Amino acid sequence: MRFSRQMITVEEAMRRLMERLTMQGREEVHIGEAYGRTLAVDVHATDDLPHFDRSPLDGYAVRAIDTVLATPDQPVRLKVVETIAAGDVPKITVAEGCASRIMTGAMMPSGADAVIMFEQTVQPAAFLEEVGIKRALKQGENVSRHGEEIASGAVIVRAGERINAGTLAILATFGYTHVPVVRKPRIGLLSTGVELLDVDQPLYPGKIRNSNTWMLSALIAEAGGIPLLFPNMPDDLDVAKGTLAEHLKMVDVLVTSGGVSVGDYDVMAALSDEPEAELLFNRIAMRPGSPTTSLMLHGKPIIALSGNPGACFLGFELFVRPAVQKLSGVQGVQLRTIKAKLAVTYTKPCPYPRYLRGWLLEKDGVLYAQPDFNEKAGNLGTLKNSECFIVIPAGGIGKQAGELVEVLSHAAPSWKQEG
């Protein structure tokens, strides 16, 4: 099967992989550790928000009916009976002809039904026994009513949502010290090949240091998984089968790099021919990384990426990141692309969609995608500058400068500005 591979699209490969993955179980974490996690269940409001009538600004709480005749030239004078700070409980009812000085977030006093901001009164900075109101107000104006934002029992965050800073704010508002989240998936990680050295070993002819493991480990953590690093695996099928079986007991998904082509020592490619392995795919219509492979072994998925760093990086973004998201409980996992104009002409033809490493820049309000033209998938020199993949469709004559292209962003873009 390694020599008679069936070509499928990126979309079909992703579909086959996604349908074999299921969300992890749930756990509770302290709110301080919940950022970036995926909510496991719907969370409900424990109270009304706000849970009392309050002022959204600094000013005076008044009865709207007392301000009907107020104008800038003829202010209405009201007696100030109390000052109410945020956290205070008002003590005095606002009666006819009266007002209470009130701060942002403070509880509305009984009798008042509107708030006028300091700037719309006479001498706004002064503490006065009598305030001059310079305009008429409507009943309810500048008042945040009890329960108007969220009613008690309403869903405030839904299962599958990623917890961001705003989510933490609303969870804290309703007293959630611990948050039910989806358990982080454990992603095993290993590289194949006797040519690989550890990062602290000296170089010698024919050998290279293992860079993919550290790149993938960072990407897995960034995606929300827990990377478990295993020792490099030799290019021996019998040894590999036993090694993989042991590793799979400890992880939810195993990611490998290297050994997916058709060479004599490509152990992951050879594994796909074994009876205990269920092949999902081993040839994808894309460049680089077309031999990217996935299979089920002992009931667990393996995603075998190319050993070439650039192709390995691409394979992660197309398959491993979505897999981590699916396992983490993210709803509607899909590749999210944007449109940008190609900064320079690219005319190299390809029978498959080509994913060019590059970056984004903005010029005169237009977003451009700039390829780095370091097209050899094994080249590492510009990998640190890569923040997106620019998709050049299959066939044809490529794309001209200024044409719209799809862009798969894989890093927080710097959005460089020019001109």
Protein backbone atom coordinates (compact mmCIF):
# COMPACT_ATOMS: atom_id res chain seq x y z
CA MET A 1 0.00 0.00 0.00
CA ARG A 2 2.95 2.31 0.55
CA PHE A 3 3.74 2.05 -3.18
CA SER A 4 0.11 2.30 -4.40
CA ARG A 5 -1.23 5.17 -2.39
CA GLN A 6 -4.67 6.63 -2.97
CA MET A 7 -4.58 10.42 -3.39
CA ILE A 8 -7.22 12.35 -1.44
CA THR A 9 -7.81 16.04 -0.77
CA VAL A 10 -6.82 17.89 2.38
CA GLU A 11 -10.51 18.28 3.21
CA GLU A 12 -11.20 14.54 2.88
CA ALA A 13 -8.14 13.66 4.94
CA MET A 14 -9.25 16.03 7.67
CA ARG A 15 -12.78 14.58 7.61
CA ARG A 16 -11.48 11.01 8.00
CA LEU A 17 -9.32 12.00 10.93
CA MET A 18 -11.92 14.17 12.68
CA GLU A 19 -14.58 11.46 12.67
CA ARG A 20 -12.26 9.16 14.65
CA LEU A 21 -11.69 11.69 17.43
CA THR A 22 -13.92 12.28 20.45
CA MET A 23 -13.87 15.02 23.07
CA GLN A 24 -11.99 14.26 26.27
CA GLY A 25 -13.62 14.02 29.70
CA ARG A 26 -14.18 17.02 31.94
CA GLU A 27 -12.39 18.35 34.97
CA GLU A 28 -12.70 21.39 37.20
CA VAL A 29 -9.93 23.96 37.45
CA HIS A 30 -9.54 27.12 39.48
CA ILE A 31 -10.66 30.22 37.59
CA GLY A 32 -7.05 31.40 37.60
CA GLU A 33 -6.09 28.36 35.49
CA ALA A 34 -9.08 28.41 33.12
CA TYR A 35 -7.80 30.88 30.52
CA GLY A 36 -7.52 29.30 27.07
CA ARG A 37 -9.39 26.14 28.10
CA THR A 38 -12.64 24.90 26.57
CA LEU A 39 -15.79 24.98 28.67
CA ALA A 40 -17.19 21.46 29.19
CA VAL A 41 -20.81 22.34 30.04
CA ASP A 42 -23.15 25.30 29.82
CA VAL A 43 -22.68 27.71 32.73
CA HIS A 44 -25.65 29.67 34.11
CA ALA A 45 -26.08 33.00 35.85
CA THR A 46 -26.38 32.56 39.61
CA ASP A 47 -28.03 36.01 40.08
CA ASP A 48 -29.58 38.77 38.03
CA LEU A 49 -27.11 41.20 36.43
CA PRO A 50 -27.14 43.81 37.72
CA HIS A 51 -28.71 42.57 40.92
CA PHE A 52 -29.85 46.07 41.89
CA ASP A 53 -30.71 49.28 40.03
CA ARG A 54 -27.45 51.20 39.62
CA SER A 55 -25.95 54.26 38.02
CA PRO A 56 -23.65 53.70 35.00
CA LEU A 57 -21.99 57.11 35.43
CA ASP A 58 -21.02 59.84 37.89
CA GLY A 59 -23.75 62.41 38.41
CA TYR A 60 -26.97 63.01 40.30
CA ALA A 61 -29.87 60.64 40.83
CA VAL A 62 -33.11 62.56 40.30
CA ARG A 63 -36.80 62.23 39.59
CA ALA A 64 -37.21 62.77 35.83
CA ILE A 65 -40.47 64.68 36.42
CA ASP A 66 -38.52 67.32 38.39
CA THR A 67 -36.33 68.09 35.33
CA VAL A 68 -39.08 68.67 32.73
CA LEU A 69 -38.50 72.45 32.57
CA ALA A 70 -34.68 72.33 32.79
CA THR A 71 -32.64 74.12 30.09
CA PRO A 72 -29.03 75.39 29.92
CA ASP A 73 -30.29 78.96 30.31
CA GLN A 74 -32.79 78.17 33.07
CA PRO A 75 -31.47 75.25 35.15
CA VAL A 76 -33.78 73.54 37.60
CA ARG A 77 -32.47 73.71 41.16
CA LEU A 78 -32.67 70.55 43.29
CA LYS A 79 -31.65 70.00 46.91
CA VAL A 80 -28.77 67.52 47.35
CA VAL A 81 -29.72 65.15 50.17
CA GLU A 82 -26.99 62.48 50.06
CA THR A 83 -23.77 61.33 48.41
CA ILE A 84 -23.75 57.66 47.35
CA ALA A 85 -20.47 55.90 46.57
CA ALA A 86 -20.16 52.52 44.82
CA GLY A 87 -20.83 49.87 47.45
CA ASP A 88 -23.04 52.14 49.60
CA VAL A 89 -26.67 51.41 50.34
CA PRO A 90 -28.66 54.67 49.96
CA LYS A 91 -30.27 55.88 53.17
CA ILE A 92 -32.49 58.72 51.97
CA THR A 93 -35.40 58.60 49.53
CA VAL A 94 -35.23 61.16 46.73
CA ALA A 95 -38.40 63.17 47.19
CA GLU A 96 -39.87 65.98 45.07
CA GLY A 97 -37.30 68.71 44.44
CA CYS A 98 -34.38 66.61 45.67
CA ALA A 99 -31.36 64.79 44.22
CA SER A 100 -28.60 62.48 45.43
CA ARG A 101 -24.99 62.82 44.30
CA ILE A 102 -24.09 59.35 42.94
CA MET A 103 -20.97 57.60 41.66
CA THR A 104 -20.55 55.06 38.84
CA GLY A 105 -21.80 51.62 39.84
CA ALA A 106 -23.57 52.88 42.95
CA MET A 107 -27.02 51.67 43.97
CA MET A 108 -29.91 53.93 42.94
CA PRO A 109 -31.76 55.53 45.85
CA SER A 110 -35.46 55.00 46.35
CA GLY A 111 -37.59 57.58 44.57
CA ALA A 112 -35.03 58.42 41.83
CA ASP A 113 -35.67 57.19 38.28
CA ALA A 114 -32.93 58.91 36.23
CA VAL A 115 -29.33 60.09 36.49
CA ILE A 116 -27.85 63.25 35.02
CA MET A 117 -24.09 63.36 34.49
CA PHE A 118 -22.01 65.95 36.29
CA GLU A 119 -21.12 67.67 32.99
CA GLN A 120 -24.80 68.59 32.44
CA THR A 121 -25.12 70.40 35.76
CA VAL A 122 -24.06 73.84 36.97
CA GLN A 123 -20.59 73.82 38.59
CA PRO A 124 -20.10 70.05 38.09
CA ALA A 125 -16.91 69.88 40.17
CA ALA A 126 -18.37 71.58 43.22
CA PHE A 127 -19.90 69.91 46.26
CA LEU A 128 -23.12 71.89 46.63
CA GLU A 129 -26.18 71.82 48.82
CA GLU A 130 -28.21 72.56 45.70
CA VAL A 131 -27.48 71.40 42.15
CA GLY A 132 -28.53 73.11 38.93
CA ILE A 133 -29.89 70.67 36.31
CA LYS A 134 -29.33 71.98 32.76
CA ARG A 135 -31.52 69.62 30.72
CA ALA A 136 -34.66 67.51 30.97
CA LEU A 137 -34.33 63.76 31.50
CA LYS A 138 -36.59 60.86 30.64
CA GLN A 139 -37.68 58.26 33.16
CA GLY A 140 -35.06 55.45 33.25
CA GLU A 141 -32.39 57.52 31.51
CA ASN A 142 -28.85 56.56 32.56
CA VAL A 143 -30.09 53.84 34.89
CA SER A 144 -28.97 50.20 34.68
CA ARG A 145 -32.04 48.29 35.81
CA HIS A 146 -32.05 45.21 38.00
CA GLY A 147 -31.62 42.14 35.75
CA GLU A 148 -31.70 44.07 32.47
CA GLU A 149 -28.42 42.58 31.20
CA ILE A 150 -28.69 38.94 32.29
CA ALA A 151 -31.48 37.17 34.17
CA SER A 152 -30.72 34.63 36.87
CA GLY A 153 -30.55 31.13 35.38
CA ALA A 154 -29.67 32.30 31.86
CA VAL A 155 -26.77 30.60 30.05
CA ILE A 156 -23.78 32.93 30.28
CA VAL A 157 -21.17 30.72 28.55
CA ARG A 158 -21.89 27.67 26.40
CA ALA A 159 -20.10 24.34 26.26
CA GLY A 160 -17.42 24.34 23.58
CA GLU A 161 -16.53 28.01 23.97
CA ARG A 162 -12.88 28.89 24.47
CA ILE A 163 -12.40 30.76 27.72
CA ASN A 164 -10.92 34.18 27.06
CA ALA A 165 -10.35 37.19 29.32
CA GLY A 166 -13.94 38.36 28.87
CA THR A 167 -15.20 34.90 29.82
CA LEU A 168 -13.17 35.04 33.02
CA ALA A 169 -14.75 38.39 33.85
CA ILE A 170 -18.29 37.08 33.54
CA LEU A 171 -17.47 33.86 35.42
CA ALA A 172 -16.03 35.91 38.26
CA THR A 173 -19.08 38.17 38.25
CA PHE A 174 -21.27 35.19 39.01
CA GLY A 175 -18.97 33.68 41.63
CA TYR A 176 -17.47 30.74 39.75
CA THR A 177 -14.22 30.05 41.59
CA HIS A 178 -13.89 26.71 39.81
CA VAL A 179 -14.75 26.12 36.17
CA PRO A 180 -15.77 22.88 34.39
CA VAL A 181 -13.45 22.47 31.41
CA VAL A 182 -12.56 19.76 28.92
CA ARG A 183 -9.48 17.79 29.91
CA LYS A 184 -6.45 18.73 27.88
CA PRO A 185 -5.57 15.98 25.40
CA ARG A 186 -2.27 14.18 25.88
CA ILE A 187 -0.36 14.27 22.60
CA GLY A 188 2.55 11.89 22.32
CA LEU A 189 5.44 13.06 20.21
CA LEU A 190 8.42 11.25 18.72
CA SER A 191 10.71 11.44 15.73
CA THR A 192 12.05 8.55 13.65
CA GLY A 193 15.44 8.06 12.12
CA VAL A 194 18.89 6.93 13.22
CA GLU A 195 20.30 10.12 11.71
CA LEU A 196 18.82 12.24 14.51
CA LEU A 197 20.85 13.62 17.39
CA ASP A 198 19.60 15.16 20.60
CA VAL A 199 19.88 18.91 20.84
CA ASP A 200 22.86 18.72 23.21
CA GLN A 201 24.89 16.26 21.13
CA PRO A 202 27.79 17.35 18.91
CA LEU A 203 27.37 17.16 15.15
CA TYR A 204 29.26 14.68 13.04
CA PRO A 205 28.97 13.62 9.37
CA GLY A 206 25.63 12.20 8.25
CA LYS A 207 23.80 13.29 11.40
CA ILE A 208 21.47 16.19 12.19
CA ARG A 209 20.00 17.49 15.43
CA ASN A 210 16.34 16.79 16.05
CA SER A 211 14.55 20.12 15.54
CA ASN A 212 11.03 18.87 14.73
CA THR A 213 10.32 17.54 18.22
CA TRP A 214 10.89 20.93 19.84
CA MET A 215 8.92 22.75 17.16
CA LEU A 216 5.98 20.36 17.46
CA SER A 217 6.08 20.37 21.25
CA ALA A 218 5.63 24.14 21.27
CA LEU A 219 2.86 23.99 18.67
CA ILE A 220 0.98 21.29 20.60
CA ALA A 221 1.10 23.34 23.81
CA GLU A 222 0.00 26.44 21.91
CA ALA A 223 -2.95 24.52 20.46
CA GLY A 224 -4.10 23.45 23.92
CA GLY A 225 -2.63 19.97 24.22
CA ILE A 226 -0.14 18.46 26.63
CA PRO A 227 2.94 17.27 24.72
CA LEU A 228 4.52 14.03 25.96
CA LEU A 229 7.96 13.62 24.44
CA PHE A 230 9.24 10.13 23.74
CA PRO A 231 12.77 9.11 22.67
CA ASN A 232 13.63 8.95 19.00
CA MET A 233 12.51 5.70 17.40
CA PRO A 234 14.85 3.61 15.22
CA ASP A 235 13.98 2.67 11.65
CA ASP A 236 13.08 -0.91 12.53
CA LEU A 237 9.48 -2.00 11.97
CA ASP A 238 9.38 -4.76 14.59
CA VAL A 239 10.89 -2.49 17.24
CA ALA A 240 8.62 0.35 16.16
CA LYS A 241 5.45 -1.73 16.58
CA GLY A 242 6.28 -2.60 20.16
CA THR A 243 7.43 0.93 20.97
CA LEU A 244 4.31 2.53 19.51
CA ALA A 245 2.02 0.11 21.34
CA GLU A 246 3.56 1.13 24.66
CA HIS A 247 3.44 4.84 23.89
CA LEU A 248 -0.20 4.70 22.77
CA LYS A 249 -1.25 3.49 26.21
CA MET A 250 -0.20 6.85 27.65
CA VAL A 251 -1.65 9.29 25.12
CA ASP A 252 -4.81 10.26 23.28
CA VAL A 253 -3.04 10.84 19.96
CA LEU A 254 0.49 10.04 18.87
CA VAL A 255 2.27 12.43 16.48
CA THR A 256 5.42 11.31 14.70
CA SER A 257 7.76 13.07 12.31
CA GLY A 258 9.75 11.33 9.60
CA GLY A 259 9.50 7.92 7.99
CA VAL A 260 6.38 8.54 5.89
CA SER A 261 7.79 8.35 2.35
CA VAL A 262 8.63 5.23 0.34
CA GLY A 263 12.28 4.85 1.23
CA ASP A 264 13.81 1.61 2.51
CA TYR A 265 13.86 2.90 6.09
CA ASP A 266 10.54 4.78 6.23
CA VAL A 267 9.09 2.87 9.15
CA MET A 268 5.79 4.79 9.48
CA ALA A 269 5.00 4.13 5.84
CA ALA A 270 5.74 0.44 6.31
CA LEU A 271 3.51 0.33 9.39
CA SER A 272 0.47 1.19 7.28
CA ASP A 273 0.77 -2.22 5.58
CA GLU A 274 0.59 -4.12 8.86
CA PRO A 275 -2.67 -6.03 9.57
CA GLU A 276 -3.21 -4.44 12.97
CA ALA A 277 -3.11 -0.93 11.51
CA GLU A 278 -6.19 0.76 10.00
CA LEU A 279 -5.03 3.25 7.41
CA LEU A 280 -6.94 6.54 7.24
CA PHE A 281 -4.78 8.20 4.58
CA ASN A 282 -1.21 8.24 3.33
CA ARG A 283 -1.23 10.48 0.27
CA ILE A 284 -2.70 13.98 0.20
CA ALA A 285 -3.07 16.39 -2.70
CA MET A 286 -0.78 19.09 -1.32
CA ARG A 287 2.77 20.33 -1.55
CA PRO A 288 4.82 20.03 0.56
CA GLY A 289 3.97 17.04 2.74
CA SER A 290 1.93 14.88 0.38
CA PRO A 291 3.03 11.61 2.14
CA THR A 292 1.50 12.78 5.45
CA THR A 293 -0.10 9.69 6.94
CA SER A 294 -2.69 8.84 9.58
CA LEU A 295 -3.72 5.45 10.90
CA MET A 296 -5.46 3.81 13.83
CA LEU A 297 -3.39 1.44 15.95
CA HIS A 298 -4.70 -0.26 19.08
CA GLY A 299 -7.74 2.03 18.96
CA LYS A 300 -5.68 5.23 19.03
CA PRO A 301 -4.95 7.64 16.16
CA ILE A 302 -1.43 8.22 14.90
CA ILE A 303 -0.64 11.27 12.77
CA ALA A 304 2.64 10.72 10.96
CA LEU A 305 4.13 13.94 9.60
CA SER A 306 6.95 14.48 7.16
CA GLY A 307 10.45 14.78 8.54
CA ASN A 308 11.13 17.90 6.48
CA PRO A 309 10.64 20.83 8.87
CA GLY A 310 8.50 22.96 6.55
CA ALA A 311 6.28 20.04 5.55
CA CYS A 312 6.11 18.97 9.19
CA PHE A 313 4.97 22.46 10.19
CA LEU A 314 2.30 22.46 7.47
CA GLY A 315 1.09 18.99 8.43
CA PHE A 316 0.69 20.15 12.00
CA GLU A 317 -1.46 23.13 11.00
CA LEU A 318 -3.65 21.12 8.64
CA PHE A 319 -4.20 18.04 10.80
CA VAL A 320 -2.70 18.07 14.29
CA ARG A 321 -3.98 21.48 15.41
CA PRO A 322 -7.58 20.63 14.35
CA ALA A 323 -7.23 17.25 16.08
CA VAL A 324 -6.15 18.90 19.34
CA GLN A 325 -9.06 21.32 19.05
CA LYS A 326 -11.57 18.52 18.45
CA LEU A 327 -10.25 16.54 21.42
CA SER A 328 -10.39 19.72 23.51
CA GLY A 329 -14.11 20.10 22.88
CA VAL A 330 -13.97 23.00 20.42
CA GLN A 331 -17.19 23.12 18.40
CA GLY A 332 -17.18 23.26 14.59
CA VAL A 333 -13.46 22.67 14.06
CA GLN A 334 -12.38 23.79 10.61
CA LEU A 335 -9.45 25.37 8.84
CA ARG A 336 -9.91 29.12 9.10
CA THR A 337 -8.53 31.02 6.14
CA ILE A 338 -8.59 34.66 5.17
CA LYS A 339 -8.20 36.41 1.82
CA ALA A 340 -5.25 38.59 0.93
CA LYS A 341 -3.62 39.88 -2.22
CA LEU A 342 -0.48 38.11 -3.40
CA ALA A 343 2.42 40.54 -2.95
CA VAL A 344 4.51 39.14 -5.82
CA THR A 345 3.87 36.95 -8.83
CA TYR A 346 4.22 33.21 -8.34
CA THR A 347 4.19 31.17 -11.55
CA LYS A 348 5.58 27.77 -10.61
CA PRO A 349 2.93 25.20 -11.67
CA CYS A 350 1.95 22.30 -9.43
CA PRO A 351 -0.55 19.45 -9.91
CA TYR A 352 -1.67 19.89 -6.29
CA PRO A 353 -2.45 22.92 -4.13
CA ARG A 354 0.82 24.41 -2.96
CA TYR A 355 1.18 25.94 0.50
CA LEU A 356 3.82 28.65 0.48
CA ARG A 357 5.36 29.80 3.73
CA GLY A 358 5.18 33.54 4.12
CA TRP A 359 3.99 36.50 6.13
CA LEU A 360 1.37 39.22 6.00
CA LEU A 361 1.82 42.93 5.49
CA GLU A 362 -0.53 45.88 5.12
CA LYS A 363 -0.05 48.67 2.61
CA ASP A 364 -2.48 51.54 2.04
CA GLY A 365 -5.25 49.67 3.81
CA VAL A 366 -4.82 46.47 1.75
CA LEU A 367 -3.65 43.15 3.19
CA TYR A 368 -0.90 41.39 1.22
CA ALA A 369 0.60 37.93 1.54
CA GLN A 370 4.34 37.75 0.92
CA PRO A 371 5.91 34.33 0.13
CA ASP A 372 9.38 33.75 1.48
CA PHE A 373 10.31 31.69 -1.63
CA ASN A 374 12.25 29.24 0.50
CA GLU A 375 10.40 26.38 -1.15
CA LYS A 376 12.56 23.45 -0.13
CA ALA A 377 10.53 21.88 2.65
CA GLY A 378 13.66 20.90 4.57
CA ASN A 379 15.01 24.44 4.75
CA LEU A 380 14.95 25.91 8.24
CA GLY A 381 16.43 29.36 7.69
CA THR A 382 13.18 31.31 7.29
CA LEU A 383 10.89 29.11 9.38
CA LYS A 384 11.07 31.51 12.32
CA ASN A 385 9.65 34.29 10.13
CA SER A 386 6.72 32.25 8.85
CA GLU A 387 3.29 33.32 10.08
CA CYS A 388 1.03 31.92 7.38
CA PHE A 389 0.69 29.54 4.46
CA ILE A 390 -0.32 31.05 1.12
CA VAL A 391 -2.45 28.64 -0.92
CA ILE A 392 -1.67 28.49 -4.64
CA PRO A 393 -4.37 26.43 -6.41
CA ALA A 394 -3.46 23.32 -8.38
CA GLY A 395 -2.70 23.53 -12.09
CA GLY A 396 -2.72 26.67 -14.19
CA ILE A 397 0.14 29.12 -14.14
CA GLY A 398 0.12 30.08 -10.49
CA LYS A 399 -1.00 33.52 -9.37
CA GLN A 400 -0.13 37.05 -10.41
CA ALA A 401 0.80 39.83 -8.01
CA GLY A 402 -2.34 41.55 -6.79
CA GLU A 403 -4.60 38.51 -7.20
CA LEU A 404 -6.59 37.33 -4.19
CA VAL A 405 -5.32 34.16 -2.54
CA GLU A 406 -6.40 32.07 0.42
CA VAL A 407 -4.17 32.38 3.46
CA LEU A 408 -3.97 29.96 6.37
CA SER A 409 -2.59 31.90 9.31
CA HIS A 410 -0.68 29.80 11.82
CA ALA A 411 0.81 32.46 14.08
CA ALA A 412 -0.24 35.80 15.49
CA PRO A 413 0.59 37.91 12.43
CA SER A 414 2.76 40.98 12.87
CA TRP A 415 0.76 42.82 10.21
CA LYS A 416 3.80 44.67 9.00
CA GLN A 417 2.97 48.05 7.47
CA GLU A 418 4.60 49.48 4.38
CA GLY A 419 4.36 52.80 2.59
